[in-house]
Amino acid sequence: MGDRLKQRYENDKRLLFYNIALNSKIINPSVLTKSISVRIRLIIILLFFYISCFAQDPEFSQFYANPLYYNPAFAGVKGGPRFILNFRDQWPSLDAAFVTYTASYDQFFEKIRSGIGISLMGDNQGSGIYSSYEANLMYSYQIRISDNFNINVGINGGYFERIINWSDAIFGDQLNPLTPYTIGTTGESPLSPSFISGPDFGTGILAYNNHIYFGASLDHIFSPKESFLTSDLTGTIPIRFAGNFGYEVSSKRDVDHNFFFSPNLIYLRQAGQNQLNVGAYAGITPIFIGFYYRDAFTNPDAFIILVGFTEGIFKIAYSYDITVSGLSGNTGGAHELSLIVNLSEVESATKEREDSYKRLAKCPIIF
């Protein structure tokens, strides 16, 4: 979620030392810059030992370019086969605090009026101190309301892993608070196990035509346990709610330079935290641009600028998050790339596939 690190660590007074480290005049800013990655690693490990707090799922500024990650009902909406790659480097100035990547495939099958999808996700925090991996299978069933309006109902089921790289961890008894260097070895005992995994499930619904879409989803609906401590029964993945909406105005889609304008938003709630991304995406093909604002309700998070290119089966985009919260100036923002390859756009598609997609209500160009 927005400002993930800040939201996690301000939830408990026992992390007072972190606020002191960021705000105290005792620590020289140049020293803090050098040692911030060490402190991040320490804080991540402390989460598992000393505090009761809740974390959120990784986020993507280009949420419209990663639809299966947020709602399984998007499986098959573009016909396909469609392949999507996403990469996000959040707060690179903090020694790559969050690096997240996803890959997905989806396709619509007319004979069963259904979409099938696969989504893979990896998330590395603190230069690999803590890593998360997920794999999900998705199924959506199309309810055709009219020739140009569908409702999709989707489900997803998968498997997750959480891994701590204990050998690279740094603890409080190894830190000198006035220098960026570690001292000695820790007296902490390694976690056992340092690897946890389990099943995970979600569901969603989506209504759309070629000018409007709106939907909602629930992920982690059974709140699977993810604590590394066998005695901890409260360490679960919180349920995530996502609601999205968008509208599109466009010229004819079969012209060489199609104009489109699409205001849209996504609202997320997880572990008591709220986030809203709202903005617009516009262009005259093959070029498009976008501008968004993300707010965490308790604090503003970032302005997002986007530029991209689309031609034939390919769509590629780059976005940059300009941090506007209290962490501005220290994080390096966030860089994000997306690549979409939709083979249904191939001009030599078979007649059977063309006829099938003619019966498939078109969704907005943004996807």
Foldseek 3Di string as FASTA:
>chain_A
DFPQVVQFQVPDCVSVVVVCLVDPPLADPVQCLLQLLQVQLAVVVVVQPPDDGAGADDDDLLCLQVVCVFALLCAAQAAFQKKKKKWKQWLVSSVSQKIKIKIKTKHADLVQQKMKMKMWMKIAGSNRQKIKIKIKIKMWHWDDPDLFKIKIKMKMKIKMKMAGPVVPGDHPQQDDSHGSGGHDDDPDDDQPPRMDMDMWMKIKMKMFFAFKIKIKMKTRVVFAADRSDPVDPPRTFWIKMKIKIKGKDWDDPPDQWIWMKMWMKMWMDTRRWIKIKTWMKIGTAQKIKIWIFMCRVVWGFWIKIKIWGDDQQKIKMKMWTQGDTPCGPRRRTMIMIMMMGGCLSDPPDDPVSVVSVSSNGHGYPSD
